[in-house]
Amino acid sequence: MISYNPKSWLALIFHLTKSDTISILWRELVFIFIFTMGLALAEDFFFPKAVVLEKLFSIYSILGFVISLLLAFRTNTAYDRWWEGRKKWGELVNDSRNLAVKLTSLDLSLEDNHFFGRHIGNFTLCIKEHLREGTNYALLDITSEERAFLESLDHIPSGIVELMYRRLNELKKAGVISEEDLLRLDRNLNGFLDCVGACERIKNTPIPYSYSMFFKKFIFSYVITLPFAFVVNFGYWSAIIATFIFYVFVSIEILAEEIEDPFGNDDNDLPTDEMAQRIQGIVHTILDKR
């Protein structure tokens, strides 16, 4: 995720990144500009009184209003997915911190504190990779026995939570913690699983195919035929106008596509790498005090 100062207007306007839609669409923008200029030349020399084209402008004004409503809905839907993902990772930060604080109040051994500190951090690293291309065991702080157990499972994040539940049950049987203590810790561990479940729902449930295809076809049909409605009224200036409208409409769709899956490595995705490291630091700071 790109960090920036929202108050630096000029710097933001003239700053380009690889995710900027101009760098993505520049070929299409050049094509629309040349295409519209060619239509303007053809209209000027061969169809100077094209009455049909003059009537198209009012039709495209109405279609522009309709497509603006669809774009607003599309953007809001994509942003809701991005924001829900951010809220779930915020809940994960809170559950991790709360679990670590509750564990320190139990006066566990250094070995037990280290065990829980490792696996709370492992869970955050695991869920980050699980939502991308799968778990990278090289990132996890696990023993060979723990790795063998996790490799036997289909869902690694659940396996890490299971390891923590097993240790808690062992401590309960040994009389180190009470049933009340276990219930208090259970709430935060359940929060871990709720978080990964919600993030999986966001990742694995894209915008319905038929809706996505219709919207893309509608935008494409609108912007590719837009120059026909402009050349009569604006002449050669229509090349600039049509190119700008194409840039705005298609850019909104591209940005919506990028943020509707917020767990990847795109510039506008959530900074899950930084948040996972932050959780690790918080947990170790709390548990290492004991």
C-alpha atoms as a PDB file:
ATOM      1  CA  MET A   1       0.000   0.000   0.000  1.00  0.00           C
ATOM      2  CA  ILE A   2       1.302   3.461  -0.913  1.00  0.00           C
ATOM      3  CA  SER A   3       1.808   5.891   1.968  1.00  0.00           C
ATOM      4  CA  TYR A   4       1.208   9.507   1.042  1.00  0.00           C
ATOM      5  CA  ASN A   5       0.322  12.930   2.371  1.00  0.00           C
ATOM      6  CA  PRO A   6      -3.260  13.716   1.237  1.00  0.00           C
ATOM      7  CA  LYS A   7      -2.636  17.447   1.715  1.00  0.00           C
ATOM      8  CA  SER A   8       0.134  17.604  -0.912  1.00  0.00           C
ATOM      9  CA  TRP A   9      -2.111  18.324  -3.882  1.00  0.00           C
ATOM     10  CA  LEU A  10       0.488  19.301  -6.451  1.00  0.00           C
ATOM     11  CA  ALA A  11       2.830  16.477  -5.528  1.00  0.00           C
ATOM     12  CA  LEU A  12       0.014  13.940  -5.867  1.00  0.00           C
ATOM     13  CA  ILE A  13      -1.244  15.356  -9.182  1.00  0.00           C
ATOM     14  CA  PHE A  14       2.139  15.099 -10.896  1.00  0.00           C
ATOM     15  CA  HIS A  15       3.317  11.910  -9.183  1.00  0.00           C
ATOM     16  CA  LEU A  16       3.030   8.738 -11.267  1.00  0.00           C
ATOM     17  CA  THR A  17       3.324   5.158 -10.011  1.00  0.00           C
ATOM     18  CA  LYS A  18       3.052   1.808 -11.754  1.00  0.00           C
ATOM     19  CA  SER A  19      -0.544   1.567 -10.491  1.00  0.00           C
ATOM     20  CA  ASP A  20      -1.511   4.936 -11.978  1.00  0.00           C
ATOM     21  CA  THR A  21      -4.118   4.365 -14.649  1.00  0.00           C
ATOM     22  CA  ILE A  22      -2.318   6.664 -17.110  1.00  0.00           C
ATOM     23  CA  SER A  23       0.640   4.265 -17.197  1.00  0.00           C
ATOM     24  CA  ILE A  24      -1.782   1.348 -17.644  1.00  0.00           C
ATOM     25  CA  LEU A  25      -4.035   2.932 -20.281  1.00  0.00           C
ATOM     26  CA  TRP A  26      -1.663   5.115 -22.287  1.00  0.00           C
ATOM     27  CA  ARG A  27      -1.886   2.911 -25.397  1.00  0.00           C
ATOM     28  CA  GLU A  28      -5.681   2.944 -25.303  1.00  0.00           C
ATOM     29  CA  LEU A  29      -5.686   6.703 -24.725  1.00  0.00           C
ATOM     30  CA  VAL A  30      -3.479   7.248 -27.771  1.00  0.00           C
ATOM     31  CA  PHE A  31      -5.753   4.991 -29.830  1.00  0.00           C
ATOM     32  CA  ILE A  32      -8.918   6.871 -28.788  1.00  0.00           C
ATOM     33  CA  PHE A  33      -7.251  10.210 -29.523  1.00  0.00           C
ATOM     34  CA  ILE A  34      -6.145   9.129 -33.021  1.00  0.00           C
ATOM     35  CA  PHE A  35      -9.465   7.409 -33.718  1.00  0.00           C
ATOM     36  CA  THR A  36     -11.475  10.489 -32.735  1.00  0.00           C
ATOM     37  CA  MET A  37      -9.190  12.786 -34.722  1.00  0.00           C
ATOM     38  CA  GLY A  38      -9.698  10.559 -37.768  1.00  0.00           C
ATOM     39  CA  LEU A  39     -13.474  10.748 -37.334  1.00  0.00           C
ATOM     40  CA  ALA A  40     -13.283  14.522 -37.045  1.00  0.00           C
ATOM     41  CA  LEU A  41     -11.303  14.694 -40.293  1.00  0.00           C
ATOM     42  CA  ALA A  42     -13.749  12.383 -42.043  1.00  0.00           C
ATOM     43  CA  GLU A  43     -16.716  14.408 -40.820  1.00  0.00           C
ATOM     44  CA  ASP A  44     -15.085  17.658 -41.860  1.00  0.00           C
ATOM     45  CA  PHE A  45     -14.258  16.566 -45.417  1.00  0.00           C
ATOM     46  CA  PHE A  46     -16.865  13.935 -46.295  1.00  0.00           C
ATOM     47  CA  PHE A  47     -19.900  14.411 -43.996  1.00  0.00           C
ATOM     48  CA  PRO A  48     -20.068  18.120 -43.138  1.00  0.00           C
ATOM     49  CA  LYS A  49     -23.805  17.988 -42.462  1.00  0.00           C
ATOM     50  CA  ALA A  50     -24.278  14.682 -40.705  1.00  0.00           C
ATOM     51  CA  VAL A  51     -27.655  15.254 -39.024  1.00  0.00           C
ATOM     52  CA  VAL A  52     -27.675  11.766 -37.499  1.00  0.00           C
ATOM     53  CA  LEU A  53     -24.456  12.460 -35.617  1.00  0.00           C
ATOM     54  CA  GLU A  54     -25.875  15.680 -34.220  1.00  0.00           C
ATOM     55  CA  LYS A  55     -28.775  13.752 -32.666  1.00  0.00           C
ATOM     56  CA  LEU A  56     -26.415  11.255 -31.060  1.00  0.00           C
ATOM     57  CA  PHE A  57     -25.105  13.849 -28.622  1.00  0.00           C
ATOM     58  CA  SER A  58     -28.353  14.043 -26.627  1.00  0.00           C
ATOM     59  CA  ILE A  59     -28.548  10.239 -26.489  1.00  0.00           C
ATOM     60  CA  TYR A  60     -25.012   9.962 -25.157  1.00  0.00           C
ATOM     61  CA  SER A  61     -25.751  12.620 -22.551  1.00  0.00           C
ATOM     62  CA  ILE A  62     -28.466  10.356 -21.131  1.00  0.00           C
ATOM     63  CA  LEU A  63     -26.233   7.277 -21.363  1.00  0.00           C
ATOM     64  CA  GLY A  64     -23.477   9.195 -19.589  1.00  0.00           C
ATOM     65  CA  PHE A  65     -25.782   9.790 -16.640  1.00  0.00           C
ATOM     66  CA  VAL A  66     -26.710   6.095 -16.508  1.00  0.00           C
ATOM     67  CA  ILE A  67     -23.110   4.924 -16.673  1.00  0.00           C
ATOM     68  CA  SER A  68     -22.162   7.401 -13.940  1.00  0.00           C
ATOM     69  CA  LEU A  69     -24.685   5.767 -11.607  1.00  0.00           C
ATOM     70  CA  LEU A  70     -23.309   2.331 -12.452  1.00  0.00           C
ATOM     71  CA  LEU A  71     -19.745   3.517 -11.844  1.00  0.00           C
ATOM     72  CA  ALA A  72     -20.724   4.939  -8.453  1.00  0.00           C
ATOM     73  CA  PHE A  73     -22.299   1.622  -7.480  1.00  0.00           C
ATOM     74  CA  ARG A  74     -19.270  -0.306  -8.786  1.00  0.00           C
ATOM     75  CA  THR A  75     -16.817   1.850  -6.855  1.00  0.00           C
ATOM     76  CA  ASN A  76     -18.819   1.676  -3.625  1.00  0.00           C
ATOM     77  CA  THR A  77     -19.081  -2.105  -3.884  1.00  0.00           C
ATOM     78  CA  ALA A  78     -15.331  -2.501  -4.413  1.00  0.00           C
ATOM     79  CA  TYR A  79     -14.456  -0.067  -1.627  1.00  0.00           C
ATOM     80  CA  ASP A  80     -16.799  -1.855   0.803  1.00  0.00           C
ATOM     81  CA  ARG A  81     -14.795  -5.052   0.218  1.00  0.00           C
ATOM     82  CA  TRP A  82     -11.497  -3.199   0.764  1.00  0.00           C
ATOM     83  CA  TRP A  83     -12.760  -1.520   3.941  1.00  0.00           C
ATOM     84  CA  GLU A  84     -14.234  -4.723   5.350  1.00  0.00           C
ATOM     85  CA  GLY A  85     -10.857  -6.412   4.857  1.00  0.00           C
ATOM     86  CA  ARG A  86      -9.181  -3.551   6.721  1.00  0.00           C
ATOM     87  CA  LYS A  87     -11.674  -3.840   9.597  1.00  0.00           C
ATOM     88  CA  LYS A  88     -11.035  -7.569   9.896  1.00  0.00           C
ATOM     89  CA  TRP A  89      -7.295  -7.026  10.091  1.00  0.00           C
ATOM     90  CA  GLY A  90      -7.917  -4.341  12.703  1.00  0.00           C
ATOM     91  CA  GLU A  91      -9.898  -6.891  14.710  1.00  0.00           C
ATOM     92  CA  LEU A  92      -6.993  -9.316  14.335  1.00  0.00           C
ATOM     93  CA  VAL A  93      -4.632  -6.704  15.793  1.00  0.00           C
ATOM     94  CA  ASN A  94      -6.985  -6.207  18.756  1.00  0.00           C
ATOM     95  CA  ASP A  95      -7.499  -9.940  19.359  1.00  0.00           C
ATOM     96  CA  SER A  96      -3.750 -10.566  19.215  1.00  0.00           C
ATOM     97  CA  ARG A  97      -3.006  -7.790  21.690  1.00  0.00           C
ATOM     98  CA  ASN A  98      -5.832  -8.792  24.030  1.00  0.00           C
ATOM     99  CA  LEU A  99      -4.798 -12.448  23.957  1.00  0.00           C
ATOM    100  CA  ALA A 100      -1.190 -11.545  24.775  1.00  0.00           C
ATOM    101  CA  VAL A 101      -2.268  -9.320  27.689  1.00  0.00           C
ATOM    102  CA  LYS A 102      -4.547 -12.035  29.108  1.00  0.00           C
ATOM    103  CA  LEU A 103      -1.736 -14.591  28.847  1.00  0.00           C
ATOM    104  CA  THR A 104       0.668 -12.355  30.784  1.00  0.00           C
ATOM    105  CA  SER A 105      -1.865 -12.091  33.623  1.00  0.00           C
ATOM    106  CA  LEU A 106      -1.765 -15.893  34.083  1.00  0.00           C
ATOM    107  CA  ASP A 107       1.910 -15.934  35.130  1.00  0.00           C
ATOM    108  CA  LEU A 108       2.811 -18.716  32.737  1.00  0.00           C
ATOM    109  CA  SER A 109       6.343 -20.035  32.342  1.00  0.00           C
ATOM    110  CA  LEU A 110       8.781 -18.406  29.944  1.00  0.00           C
ATOM    111  CA  GLU A 111       8.479 -21.447  27.711  1.00  0.00           C
ATOM    112  CA  ASP A 112       4.700 -21.138  27.522  1.00  0.00           C
ATOM    113  CA  ASN A 113       4.866 -17.382  26.875  1.00  0.00           C
ATOM    114  CA  HIS A 114       7.387 -17.995  24.107  1.00  0.00           C
ATOM    115  CA  PHE A 115       5.152 -20.700  22.621  1.00  0.00           C
ATOM    116  CA  PHE A 116       2.106 -18.444  22.424  1.00  0.00           C
ATOM    117  CA  GLY A 117       4.155 -15.495  21.243  1.00  0.00           C
ATOM    118  CA  ARG A 118       5.542 -17.598  18.392  1.00  0.00           C
ATOM    119  CA  HIS A 119       2.184 -18.885  17.251  1.00  0.00           C
ATOM    120  CA  ILE A 120       0.264 -15.627  17.479  1.00  0.00           C
ATOM    121  CA  GLY A 121       2.917 -14.187  15.186  1.00  0.00           C
ATOM    122  CA  ASN A 122       2.839 -17.324  13.038  1.00  0.00           C
ATOM    123  CA  PHE A 123      -0.909 -16.975  12.586  1.00  0.00           C
ATOM    124  CA  THR A 124      -0.660 -13.425  11.283  1.00  0.00           C
ATOM    125  CA  LEU A 125       2.115 -14.371   8.853  1.00  0.00           C
ATOM    126  CA  CYS A 126       0.212 -17.475   7.809  1.00  0.00           C
ATOM    127  CA  ILE A 127      -3.085 -15.706   7.109  1.00  0.00           C
ATOM    128  CA  LYS A 128      -1.232 -13.046   5.099  1.00  0.00           C
ATOM    129  CA  GLU A 129       0.286 -15.681   2.810  1.00  0.00           C
ATOM    130  CA  HIS A 130      -2.834 -17.872   2.895  1.00  0.00           C
ATOM    131  CA  LEU A 131      -4.815 -15.046   1.295  1.00  0.00           C
ATOM    132  CA  ARG A 132      -2.244 -14.734  -1.488  1.00  0.00           C
ATOM    133  CA  GLU A 133      -0.621 -17.860  -2.900  1.00  0.00           C
ATOM    134  CA  GLY A 134      -0.529 -20.214   0.076  1.00  0.00           C
ATOM    135  CA  THR A 135       1.497 -20.645   3.256  1.00  0.00           C
ATOM    136  CA  ASN A 136       5.243 -20.098   3.090  1.00  0.00           C
ATOM    137  CA  TYR A 137       6.654 -22.272   5.886  1.00  0.00           C
ATOM    138  CA  ALA A 138      10.021 -20.509   5.657  1.00  0.00           C
ATOM    139  CA  LEU A 139       8.398 -17.443   7.235  1.00  0.00           C
ATOM    140  CA  LEU A 140       7.005 -19.348  10.226  1.00  0.00           C
ATOM    141  CA  ASP A 141       8.796 -19.893  13.524  1.00  0.00           C
ATOM    142  CA  ILE A 142       7.869 -23.556  14.017  1.00  0.00           C
ATOM    143  CA  THR A 143       9.523 -26.778  15.100  1.00  0.00           C
ATOM    144  CA  SER A 144       9.885 -29.802  12.839  1.00  0.00           C
ATOM    145  CA  GLU A 145       7.050 -31.568  14.690  1.00  0.00           C
ATOM    146  CA  GLU A 146       4.774 -28.566  14.304  1.00  0.00           C
ATOM    147  CA  ARG A 147       5.590 -28.319  10.617  1.00  0.00           C
ATOM    148  CA  ALA A 148       4.815 -32.006  10.082  1.00  0.00           C
ATOM    149  CA  PHE A 149       1.440 -31.478  11.787  1.00  0.00           C
ATOM    150  CA  LEU A 150       0.605 -28.371   9.742  1.00  0.00           C
ATOM    151  CA  GLU A 151       1.623 -30.019   6.459  1.00  0.00           C
ATOM    152  CA  SER A 152      -0.919 -32.773   7.123  1.00  0.00           C
ATOM    153  CA  LEU A 153      -3.750 -30.217   7.153  1.00  0.00           C
ATOM    154  CA  ASP A 154      -5.625 -28.503   4.336  1.00  0.00           C
ATOM    155  CA  HIS A 155      -6.158 -25.255   6.274  1.00  0.00           C
ATOM    156  CA  ILE A 156      -2.939 -24.070   7.912  1.00  0.00           C
ATOM    157  CA  PRO A 157      -4.325 -21.060   9.874  1.00  0.00           C
ATOM    158  CA  SER A 158      -6.787 -23.367  11.672  1.00  0.00           C
ATOM    159  CA  GLY A 159      -3.914 -25.715  12.455  1.00  0.00           C
ATOM    160  CA  ILE A 160      -1.942 -22.956  14.187  1.00  0.00           C
ATOM    161  CA  VAL A 161      -4.975 -22.076  16.318  1.00  0.00           C
ATOM    162  CA  GLU A 162      -5.391 -25.775  17.114  1.00  0.00           C
ATOM    163  CA  LEU A 163      -1.803 -25.906  18.375  1.00  0.00           C
ATOM    164  CA  MET A 164      -2.568 -23.063  20.782  1.00  0.00           C
ATOM    165  CA  TYR A 165      -5.778 -24.768  21.942  1.00  0.00           C
ATOM    166  CA  ARG A 166      -3.838 -27.971  22.604  1.00  0.00           C
ATOM    167  CA  ARG A 167      -1.324 -26.148  24.782  1.00  0.00           C
ATOM    168  CA  LEU A 168      -4.122 -24.402  26.689  1.00  0.00           C
ATOM    169  CA  ASN A 169      -5.841 -27.743  27.336  1.00  0.00           C
ATOM    170  CA  GLU A 170      -2.547 -29.170  28.606  1.00  0.00           C
ATOM    171  CA  LEU A 171      -2.162 -26.215  30.973  1.00  0.00           C
ATOM    172  CA  LYS A 172      -5.739 -26.657  32.176  1.00  0.00           C
ATOM    173  CA  LYS A 173      -5.213 -30.367  32.869  1.00  0.00           C
ATOM    174  CA  ALA A 174      -2.030 -29.515  34.769  1.00  0.00           C
ATOM    175  CA  GLY A 175      -3.969 -27.005  36.896  1.00  0.00           C
ATOM    176  CA  VAL A 176      -1.976 -24.016  35.656  1.00  0.00           C
ATOM    177  CA  ILE A 177      -5.063 -22.270  34.302  1.00  0.00           C
ATOM    178  CA  SER A 178      -8.718 -22.559  35.274  1.00  0.00           C
ATOM    179  CA  GLU A 179     -11.855 -23.139  33.237  1.00  0.00           C
ATOM    180  CA  GLU A 180     -12.624 -19.417  33.509  1.00  0.00           C
ATOM    181  CA  ASP A 181      -9.198 -18.554  32.130  1.00  0.00           C
ATOM    182  CA  LEU A 182      -9.737 -20.890  29.206  1.00  0.00           C
ATOM    183  CA  LEU A 183     -13.100 -19.311  28.410  1.00  0.00           C
ATOM    184  CA  ARG A 184     -11.612 -15.813  28.452  1.00  0.00           C
ATOM    185  CA  LEU A 185      -8.840 -16.833  26.057  1.00  0.00           C
ATOM    186  CA  ASP A 186     -11.273 -18.752  23.858  1.00  0.00           C
ATOM    187  CA  ARG A 187     -12.996 -15.542  22.801  1.00  0.00           C
ATOM    188  CA  ASN A 188      -9.837 -14.123  21.205  1.00  0.00           C
ATOM    189  CA  LEU A 189      -8.828 -17.403  19.583  1.00  0.00           C
ATOM    190  CA  ASN A 190     -12.286 -17.636  18.046  1.00  0.00           C
ATOM    191  CA  GLY A 191     -11.716 -14.105  16.778  1.00  0.00           C
ATOM    192  CA  PHE A 192      -8.662 -15.390  14.885  1.00  0.00           C
ATOM    193  CA  LEU A 193     -10.761 -17.947  13.037  1.00  0.00           C
ATOM    194  CA  ASP A 194     -13.575 -15.452  12.429  1.00  0.00           C
ATOM    195  CA  CYS A 195     -11.056 -13.083  10.855  1.00  0.00           C
ATOM    196  CA  VAL A 196      -9.608 -15.633   8.444  1.00  0.00           C
ATOM    197  CA  GLY A 197     -13.109 -16.811   7.533  1.00  0.00           C
ATOM    198  CA  ALA A 198     -14.278 -13.287   6.702  1.00  0.00           C
ATOM    199  CA  CYS A 199     -11.161 -12.569   4.642  1.00  0.00           C
ATOM    200  CA  GLU A 200     -11.592 -15.828   2.727  1.00  0.00           C
ATOM    201  CA  ARG A 201     -15.178 -14.834   1.962  1.00  0.00           C
ATOM    202  CA  ILE A 202     -13.990 -11.525   0.495  1.00  0.00           C
ATOM    203  CA  LYS A 203     -11.241 -13.170  -1.562  1.00  0.00           C
ATOM    204  CA  ASN A 204     -13.229 -16.151  -2.815  1.00  0.00           C
ATOM    205  CA  THR A 205     -16.443 -14.289  -3.690  1.00  0.00           C
ATOM    206  CA  PRO A 206     -15.728 -11.898  -6.554  1.00  0.00           C
ATOM    207  CA  ILE A 207     -18.259  -9.634  -8.209  1.00  0.00           C
ATOM    208  CA  PRO A 208     -20.784 -11.884 -10.064  1.00  0.00           C
ATOM    209  CA  TYR A 209     -19.476 -12.797 -13.512  1.00  0.00           C
ATOM    210  CA  SER A 210     -22.543 -11.686 -15.485  1.00  0.00           C
ATOM    211  CA  TYR A 211     -22.574  -8.284 -13.772  1.00  0.00           C
ATOM    212  CA  SER A 212     -18.834  -7.777 -14.297  1.00  0.00           C
ATOM    213  CA  MET A 213     -19.009  -8.742 -17.986  1.00  0.00           C
ATOM    214  CA  PHE A 214     -22.042  -6.554 -18.675  1.00  0.00           C
ATOM    215  CA  PHE A 215     -20.407  -3.576 -17.018  1.00  0.00           C
ATOM    216  CA  LYS A 216     -17.165  -3.969 -18.982  1.00  0.00           C
ATOM    217  CA  LYS A 217     -19.044  -4.370 -22.267  1.00  0.00           C
ATOM    218  CA  PHE A 218     -21.217  -1.356 -21.504  1.00  0.00           C
ATOM    219  CA  ILE A 219     -18.203   0.846 -20.725  1.00  0.00           C
ATOM    220  CA  PHE A 220     -16.330  -0.379 -23.806  1.00  0.00           C
ATOM    221  CA  SER A 221     -19.303   0.169 -26.129  1.00  0.00           C
ATOM    222  CA  TYR A 222     -19.921   3.622 -24.690  1.00  0.00           C
ATOM    223  CA  VAL A 223     -16.369   4.942 -24.863  1.00  0.00           C
ATOM    224  CA  ILE A 224     -15.545   3.443 -28.278  1.00  0.00           C
ATOM    225  CA  THR A 225     -18.626   4.982 -29.900  1.00  0.00           C
ATOM    226  CA  LEU A 226     -18.493   8.234 -27.943  1.00  0.00           C
ATOM    227  CA  PRO A 227     -16.447  10.085 -30.605  1.00  0.00           C
ATOM    228  CA  PHE A 228     -19.317   9.738 -33.108  1.00  0.00           C
ATOM    229  CA  ALA A 229     -21.494  11.908 -30.843  1.00  0.00           C
ATOM    230  CA  PHE A 230     -18.809  14.542 -30.284  1.00  0.00           C
ATOM    231  CA  VAL A 231     -17.228  15.228 -33.659  1.00  0.00           C
ATOM    232  CA  VAL A 232     -20.166  17.249 -35.039  1.00  0.00           C
ATOM    233  CA  ASN A 233     -20.465  19.520 -31.996  1.00  0.00           C
ATOM    234  CA  PHE A 234     -16.811  19.948 -31.036  1.00  0.00           C
ATOM    235  CA  GLY A 235     -14.851  19.185 -34.174  1.00  0.00           C
ATOM    236  CA  TYR A 236     -11.193  18.470 -33.590  1.00  0.00           C
ATOM    237  CA  TRP A 237     -11.540  19.323 -29.900  1.00  0.00           C
ATOM    238  CA  SER A 238     -13.611  16.163 -29.551  1.00  0.00           C
ATOM    239  CA  ALA A 239     -10.371  14.137 -29.644  1.00  0.00           C
ATOM    240  CA  ILE A 240      -9.291  15.660 -26.320  1.00  0.00           C
ATOM    241  CA  ILE A 241     -12.785  15.459 -24.801  1.00  0.00           C
ATOM    242  CA  ALA A 242     -13.399  11.835 -25.808  1.00  0.00           C
ATOM    243  CA  THR A 243      -9.929  10.784 -24.614  1.00  0.00           C
ATOM    244  CA  PHE A 244     -10.480  12.415 -21.238  1.00  0.00           C
ATOM    245  CA  ILE A 245     -13.911  10.796 -20.767  1.00  0.00           C
ATOM    246  CA  PHE A 246     -12.432   7.425 -21.761  1.00  0.00           C
ATOM    247  CA  TYR A 247      -9.649   7.933 -19.193  1.00  0.00           C
ATOM    248  CA  VAL A 248     -12.086   8.764 -16.377  1.00  0.00           C
ATOM    249  CA  PHE A 249     -14.608   5.968 -16.970  1.00  0.00           C
ATOM    250  CA  VAL A 250     -12.137   3.161 -17.634  1.00  0.00           C
ATOM    251  CA  SER A 251      -9.857   4.273 -14.781  1.00  0.00           C
ATOM    252  CA  ILE A 252     -12.702   3.947 -12.288  1.00  0.00           C
ATOM    253  CA  GLU A 253     -13.332   0.377 -13.439  1.00  0.00           C
ATOM    254  CA  ILE A 254      -9.623  -0.512 -13.229  1.00  0.00           C
ATOM    255  CA  LEU A 255      -9.320   0.939  -9.710  1.00  0.00           C
ATOM    256  CA  ALA A 256     -12.439  -0.940  -8.610  1.00  0.00           C
ATOM    257  CA  GLU A 257     -10.948  -4.186  -9.933  1.00  0.00           C
ATOM    258  CA  GLU A 258      -7.750  -3.554  -8.004  1.00  0.00           C
ATOM    259  CA  ILE A 259      -9.261  -2.860  -4.592  1.00  0.00           C
ATOM    260  CA  GLU A 260     -12.035  -5.478  -4.631  1.00  0.00           C
ATOM    261  CA  ASP A 261      -9.385  -8.093  -3.711  1.00  0.00           C
ATOM    262  CA  PRO A 262      -7.427  -6.171  -1.037  1.00  0.00           C
ATOM    263  CA  PHE A 263      -5.048  -8.918   0.116  1.00  0.00           C
ATOM    264  CA  GLY A 264      -2.569  -9.039  -2.772  1.00  0.00           C
ATOM    265  CA  ASN A 265       0.603  -7.109  -3.569  1.00  0.00           C
ATOM    266  CA  ASP A 266      -0.876  -4.259  -5.621  1.00  0.00           C
ATOM    267  CA  ASP A 267      -0.041  -0.694  -4.619  1.00  0.00           C
ATOM    268  CA  ASN A 268      -3.582  -0.056  -3.406  1.00  0.00           C
ATOM    269  CA  ASP A 269      -3.996  -3.326  -1.501  1.00  0.00           C
ATOM    270  CA  LEU A 270      -3.931  -3.506   2.274  1.00  0.00           C
ATOM    271  CA  PRO A 271      -0.471  -3.356   3.904  1.00  0.00           C
ATOM    272  CA  THR A 272      -0.824  -6.846   5.384  1.00  0.00           C
ATOM    273  CA  ASP A 273       2.973  -7.339   5.486  1.00  0.00           C
ATOM    274  CA  GLU A 274       3.402  -4.316   7.738  1.00  0.00           C
ATOM    275  CA  MET A 275       0.387  -5.204   9.878  1.00  0.00           C
ATOM    276  CA  ALA A 276       1.635  -8.773  10.388  1.00  0.00           C
ATOM    277  CA  GLN A 277       5.053  -7.471  11.483  1.00  0.00           C
ATOM    278  CA  ARG A 278       3.370  -4.943  13.772  1.00  0.00           C
ATOM    279  CA  ILE A 279       1.335  -7.689  15.451  1.00  0.00           C
ATOM    280  CA  GLN A 280       4.478  -9.759  15.951  1.00  0.00           C
ATOM    281  CA  GLY A 281       6.239  -6.808  17.541  1.00  0.00           C
ATOM    282  CA  ILE A 282       3.310  -5.995  19.839  1.00  0.00           C
ATOM    283  CA  VAL A 283       2.892  -9.594  21.002  1.00  0.00           C
ATOM    284  CA  HIS A 284       6.580 -10.160  21.699  1.00  0.00           C
ATOM    285  CA  THR A 285       6.830  -6.842  23.529  1.00  0.00           C
ATOM    286  CA  ILE A 286       3.977  -7.893  25.829  1.00  0.00           C
ATOM    287  CA  LEU A 287       4.900 -11.529  26.398  1.00  0.00           C
ATOM    288  CA  ASP A 288       8.695 -11.098  26.614  1.00  0.00           C
ATOM    289  CA  LYS A 289       8.219  -8.881  29.692  1.00  0.00           C
ATOM    290  CA  ARG A 290       7.464 -12.049  31.630  1.00  0.00           C
END
